[in-house]
Each structure stands twice: as structure tokens, then as C-alpha cells.
Amino acid sequence: MAKKVIDCLDHYFHGLGYNCAESTLRAANEAWELNLPEEAFRLMGGFGGGMGVKGVCGGVSGGVAALSHYYVRISGHQSPLLMAKAKIFQELVQERLGSTACEYLMPKYLTEKESCMPTISLIAEILDEVKNMELDIPLFLPRKLRVPQFERALAGNCLRLDIRSAEDYAAGHIEGTESLPLNHLKDAKLTATQPIVLIASDIKTVEEAASILEPKGYTEIYYFDPVLWKGEWSK
């Protein structure tokens, strides 16, 4: 049976004396097999005690950090599934514990014998619950380029792939782009050493293209909506 975060929590909090944020991330690292390097845990040191001002509970901060490492491929901006789960996680903590803030949680849950363990145990249970939720939200979404950024991409060393239908491409396309319809993308011989800019107006098409490219090792994926283009079109 797979480990849960709560199964590992006491070892780090009481056994090794780490704070709430450190213990939650370390417990998630062990339970979810994140394989974080030891240096990564130092980042959580200042999040204990609600960042020292009884703000957001360290257990919540450590939980969001664990979700981030589990779901992010490039950045938070390009991780819609992460952002959805981070939101649900905090909403559930708020709903079930009454708050996400140490200022509220400590008087309610802290005990002399257990310290903050009752609080972070409840948070850890919610964290596992949220991780295991099935949501119809993409893991990764390419970053949308604005016109000036796309103009630089046209002049740079990147692949500019128009993934609309061949008919749409023939009817009019941005000069300097190559036609590669979505239904041909899976079998295309591309090199992952170059950034890729996808040209498409339909976000679902972009999401599907990203789901094909990202598992193959493509990490620099962007997209541009041709509706924004005011320059010349070719036929």
C-alpha cells in the first residue's frame, strides 16, 4: 500500500524536530517519492509559525510546495492542474479547520504535549486527498505569447508550427510558419533541442498538442493566437 503524508509526518515533526512547513514537505517527499535534494528543504525554514507572524500555517505552505514539485513541469503559470489543486487544498483546509492561518489554528488545535501535530495531521490528510483527486484539467499548458514576443520568435531559432488544419493554413498563414496539423503531430520527427511555438486559436487544440509534446521531452513550448496577428499573411 502506498504511503500517505500523514504516515511520515510524526517522524519529521516530533522525531527530528523540523517545523510544520519543513515536516509537511519532508513527509510528502517520502510518501510521494518526490526525490527532492536535501538543499530544497532549507527553502521551507522561514515558513514555520506562519512565516514567523502567525500567517498562513506552515503545514499549508509545505503542502503547496509539495503539490508544486509534483505537478509543475516548467512554471506555475503553465501549470493549470497545480493551480486548481492548490486552490482546492486551501479551500478544504479553510472549510474543515476554520482557517489557514496560524493565528486562528494555534489556539484551537495546539496542545502542550503534541504542539502543532494535531493541526498538520489534519492538513496532511487533506493534502493526500487533493493529490488523489481526478480533475479534468491539463497538467501543462504552453505559455501564450503576445505579439512582440511572437515577432522575436519569428526572428529566432525556434520551430513555428501552425497546427490548424491544412485547409486553414492554405487559406492564409503567417509567413515564416510551417504547417503541421494536430493529427500529424504525434508522428512528426521533431528535435527537442529547439523551442516550439504552436500557432492555433483553439485552446483545446493547444492543450492536446502540449499533451503530445511534453511527455516526449519538449520543455520550451509556447503558443500564439493568429487572431492577434496584424502583419502580413501568406497563401
Protein backbone atom coordinates (compact mmCIF):
# COMPACT_ATOMS: atom_id res chain seq x y z
CA MET A 1 0.00 0.00 0.00
CA ALA A 2 1.30 3.43 -0.92
CA LYS A 3 2.40 5.66 1.91
CA LYS A 4 0.44 8.73 2.86
CA VAL A 5 1.86 12.04 4.03
CA ILE A 6 0.39 11.58 7.49
CA ASP A 7 2.22 8.23 7.82
CA CYS A 8 5.56 10.02 7.62
CA LEU A 9 4.73 13.25 9.44
CA ASP A 10 5.46 12.38 13.08
CA HIS A 11 8.97 11.18 12.26
CA TYR A 12 9.96 14.60 10.96
CA PHE A 13 7.97 16.79 13.35
CA HIS A 14 8.47 15.04 16.70
CA GLY A 15 11.27 12.65 15.81
CA LEU A 16 13.64 15.08 14.08
CA GLY A 17 12.25 18.40 15.30
CA TYR A 18 11.50 20.11 11.99
CA ASN A 19 8.91 22.88 11.88
CA CYS A 20 5.43 22.47 10.37
CA ALA A 21 6.40 23.55 6.86
CA GLU A 22 9.61 21.50 6.76
CA SER A 23 7.88 18.43 8.23
CA THR A 24 4.99 18.56 5.77
CA LEU A 25 7.24 18.85 2.74
CA ARG A 26 9.62 16.17 4.02
CA ALA A 27 6.71 13.83 4.74
CA ALA A 28 5.24 14.42 1.27
CA ASN A 29 8.69 13.90 -0.24
CA GLU A 30 8.90 10.47 1.38
CA ALA A 31 5.28 9.43 0.80
CA TRP A 32 5.04 10.62 -2.80
CA GLU A 33 8.65 9.72 -3.67
CA LEU A 34 9.45 13.22 -4.90
CA ASN A 35 13.22 12.67 -4.55
CA LEU A 36 13.88 16.25 -3.51
CA PRO A 37 17.53 17.09 -2.76
CA GLU A 38 18.35 17.95 0.85
CA GLU A 39 19.04 21.58 -0.05
CA ALA A 40 15.43 22.01 -1.19
CA PHE A 41 14.09 21.65 2.34
CA ARG A 42 16.02 24.70 3.51
CA LEU A 43 13.60 26.81 1.48
CA MET A 44 10.82 25.90 3.92
CA GLY A 45 12.63 27.06 7.07
CA GLY A 46 11.11 30.54 7.09
CA PHE A 47 7.55 29.31 6.58
CA GLY A 48 7.23 27.86 10.09
CA GLY A 49 4.97 29.65 12.54
CA GLY A 50 3.06 31.21 9.69
CA MET A 51 6.27 32.78 8.34
CA GLY A 52 7.03 33.92 11.86
CA VAL A 53 3.99 36.22 12.05
CA LYS A 54 1.23 33.60 12.57
CA GLY A 55 0.11 33.98 8.96
CA VAL A 56 -0.54 31.02 6.65
CA CYS A 57 0.16 27.79 8.54
CA GLY A 58 3.45 26.14 7.68
CA GLY A 59 1.59 22.90 7.01
CA VAL A 60 -0.33 24.65 4.24
CA SER A 61 2.84 26.23 2.82
CA GLY A 62 4.64 22.88 2.87
CA GLY A 63 1.64 21.23 1.23
CA VAL A 64 1.52 23.74 -1.61
CA ALA A 65 5.28 23.30 -2.09
CA ALA A 66 4.80 19.54 -2.37
CA LEU A 67 1.98 19.91 -4.88
CA SER A 68 4.12 22.36 -6.86
CA HIS A 69 7.01 19.94 -7.18
CA TYR A 70 4.65 17.10 -8.09
CA TYR A 71 2.78 18.97 -10.85
CA VAL A 72 4.97 21.75 -12.25
CA ARG A 73 6.87 21.00 -15.44
CA ILE A 74 8.16 24.49 -16.26
CA SER A 75 6.39 27.17 -14.21
CA GLY A 76 3.27 27.81 -12.17
CA HIS A 77 1.89 29.99 -14.95
CA GLN A 78 1.92 26.95 -17.21
CA SER A 79 0.51 24.50 -14.64
CA PRO A 80 -3.30 24.77 -14.55
CA LEU A 81 -3.74 21.47 -12.70
CA LEU A 82 -1.38 22.60 -9.94
CA MET A 83 -3.17 25.93 -9.50
CA ALA A 84 -6.56 24.20 -9.33
CA LYS A 85 -5.34 21.73 -6.71
CA ALA A 86 -3.56 24.40 -4.66
CA LYS A 87 -6.84 26.33 -4.56
CA ILE A 88 -8.91 23.29 -3.58
CA PHE A 89 -6.34 22.32 -0.92
CA GLN A 90 -6.53 25.72 0.77
CA GLU A 91 -10.31 25.89 0.47
CA LEU A 92 -10.68 22.49 2.16
CA VAL A 93 -8.32 23.49 4.98
CA GLN A 94 -10.34 26.68 5.44
CA GLU A 95 -13.62 24.74 5.41
CA ARG A 96 -12.63 21.91 7.75
CA LEU A 97 -10.25 23.64 10.14
CA GLY A 98 -11.86 27.07 10.09
CA SER A 99 -8.84 28.94 8.74
CA THR A 100 -5.46 28.55 7.03
CA ALA A 101 -3.78 30.96 9.48
CA CYS A 102 -1.66 30.05 12.50
CA GLU A 103 -3.23 32.90 14.43
CA TYR A 104 -6.55 31.05 14.35
CA LEU A 105 -5.35 27.44 14.29
CA MET A 106 -2.89 27.52 17.21
CA PRO A 107 -5.43 28.46 19.91
CA LYS A 108 -7.86 25.88 18.54
CA TYR A 109 -5.61 22.85 17.94
CA LEU A 110 -2.24 23.35 19.65
CA THR A 111 -1.61 21.24 22.76
CA GLU A 112 1.27 21.25 25.20
CA LYS A 113 2.02 17.57 24.56
CA GLU A 114 1.52 17.43 20.79
CA SER A 115 2.30 21.04 19.85
CA CYS A 116 1.10 21.63 16.24
CA MET A 117 0.89 17.94 15.33
CA PRO A 118 -2.95 17.82 15.53
CA THR A 119 -3.13 20.73 13.07
CA ILE A 120 -0.66 19.48 10.50
CA SER A 121 -2.06 15.95 10.72
CA LEU A 122 -5.45 17.22 9.56
CA ILE A 123 -3.77 19.26 6.85
CA ALA A 124 -1.74 16.23 5.72
CA GLU A 125 -4.92 14.18 5.33
CA ILE A 126 -6.40 16.89 3.12
CA LEU A 127 -3.16 17.10 1.13
CA ASP A 128 -3.28 13.41 0.21
CA GLU A 129 -6.97 13.72 -0.62
CA VAL A 130 -6.34 16.59 -3.01
CA LYS A 131 -3.38 14.88 -4.69
CA ASN A 132 -5.57 11.85 -5.41
CA MET A 133 -8.42 13.86 -6.91
CA GLU A 134 -9.14 13.28 -10.60
CA LEU A 135 -9.69 16.63 -12.30
CA ASP A 136 -10.31 17.25 -15.99
CA ILE A 137 -7.64 19.96 -16.14
CA PRO A 138 -4.41 19.77 -18.17
CA LEU A 139 -1.15 19.22 -16.33
CA PHE A 140 0.76 21.55 -18.61
CA LEU A 141 -0.23 24.45 -20.83
CA PRO A 142 2.21 26.25 -23.14
CA ARG A 143 2.80 29.89 -22.41
CA LYS A 144 0.81 32.28 -24.59
CA LEU A 145 2.94 34.79 -26.48
CA ARG A 146 2.00 38.41 -27.03
CA VAL A 147 2.64 39.96 -30.46
CA PRO A 148 6.09 41.45 -29.60
CA GLN A 149 7.21 38.10 -28.16
CA PHE A 150 5.95 36.25 -31.23
CA GLU A 151 7.77 38.69 -33.50
CA ARG A 152 11.01 37.86 -31.68
CA ALA A 153 10.18 34.16 -32.07
CA LEU A 154 9.80 34.65 -35.82
CA ALA A 155 13.32 36.06 -35.93
CA GLY A 156 14.81 33.49 -33.55
CA ASN A 157 15.92 29.88 -33.67
CA CYS A 158 12.69 28.06 -32.93
CA LEU A 159 10.13 25.89 -34.67
CA ARG A 160 6.97 27.78 -35.60
CA LEU A 161 4.30 25.17 -36.20
CA ASP A 162 0.83 26.06 -37.42
CA ILE A 163 -1.24 23.18 -36.01
CA ARG A 164 -4.50 24.27 -37.58
CA SER A 165 -5.93 22.19 -40.40
CA ALA A 166 -4.10 22.09 -43.73
CA GLU A 167 -7.09 23.86 -45.26
CA ASP A 168 -6.90 26.73 -42.80
CA TYR A 169 -3.16 27.03 -43.38
CA ALA A 170 -3.64 27.11 -47.16
CA ALA A 171 -6.33 29.77 -46.84
CA GLY A 172 -3.89 32.07 -45.04
CA HIS A 173 -0.98 31.76 -42.65
CA ILE A 174 1.72 33.85 -41.01
CA GLU A 175 4.86 33.97 -43.11
CA GLY A 176 7.71 32.02 -41.53
CA THR A 177 5.46 29.33 -40.06
CA GLU A 178 5.25 25.66 -41.07
CA SER A 179 2.06 23.64 -41.40
CA LEU A 180 1.84 20.61 -39.12
CA PRO A 181 -1.81 19.79 -38.38
CA LEU A 182 -2.53 18.39 -34.95
CA ASN A 183 -3.44 14.95 -36.29
CA HIS A 184 0.08 14.63 -37.78
CA LEU A 185 1.94 15.94 -34.73
CA LYS A 186 2.30 12.61 -32.94
CA ASP A 187 4.25 11.04 -35.81
CA ALA A 188 6.32 14.11 -36.73
CA LYS A 189 10.10 13.89 -36.42
CA LEU A 190 10.96 16.97 -34.39
CA THR A 191 14.00 17.87 -32.31
CA ALA A 192 13.53 18.72 -28.65
CA THR A 193 16.60 20.97 -28.73
CA GLN A 194 14.61 23.88 -30.16
CA PRO A 195 11.78 25.87 -28.58
CA ILE A 196 8.43 25.26 -30.27
CA VAL A 197 5.76 27.90 -30.94
CA LEU A 198 2.35 26.46 -31.76
CA ILE A 199 0.00 28.61 -33.84
CA ALA A 200 -3.65 27.92 -33.06
CA SER A 201 -6.73 29.82 -31.91
CA ASP A 202 -8.47 26.89 -30.19
CA ILE A 203 -7.07 26.37 -26.69
CA LYS A 204 -8.20 22.74 -26.69
CA THR A 205 -6.04 22.13 -29.75
CA VAL A 206 -3.09 23.73 -27.95
CA GLU A 207 -3.70 21.58 -24.85
CA GLU A 208 -3.82 18.40 -26.94
CA ALA A 209 -0.63 19.35 -28.78
CA ALA A 210 1.13 20.02 -25.47
CA SER A 211 -0.02 16.64 -24.12
CA ILE A 212 1.73 15.02 -27.12
CA LEU A 213 4.94 17.06 -26.96
CA GLU A 214 5.59 17.38 -23.21
CA PRO A 215 5.97 13.64 -22.48
CA LYS A 216 8.50 13.44 -25.35
CA GLY A 217 10.83 15.85 -23.55
CA TYR A 218 9.81 19.16 -25.09
CA THR A 219 10.08 21.71 -22.30
CA GLU A 220 10.05 25.00 -24.20
CA ILE A 221 6.57 25.09 -25.71
CA TYR A 222 4.70 28.30 -26.43
CA TYR A 223 1.63 29.23 -28.44
CA PHE A 224 0.34 32.18 -30.39
CA ASP A 225 -3.24 33.00 -31.35
CA PRO A 226 -3.15 34.09 -35.01
CA VAL A 227 -6.20 36.28 -34.40
CA LEU A 228 -3.79 38.71 -32.72
CA TRP A 229 -1.54 38.96 -35.79
CA LYS A 230 -1.75 42.29 -37.65
CA GLY A 231 1.16 41.64 -40.01
CA GLU A 232 1.17 40.09 -43.45
CA TRP A 233 -0.39 36.74 -44.27
CA SER A 234 0.79 34.32 -46.95
CA LYS A 235 -1.14 31.86 -49.11
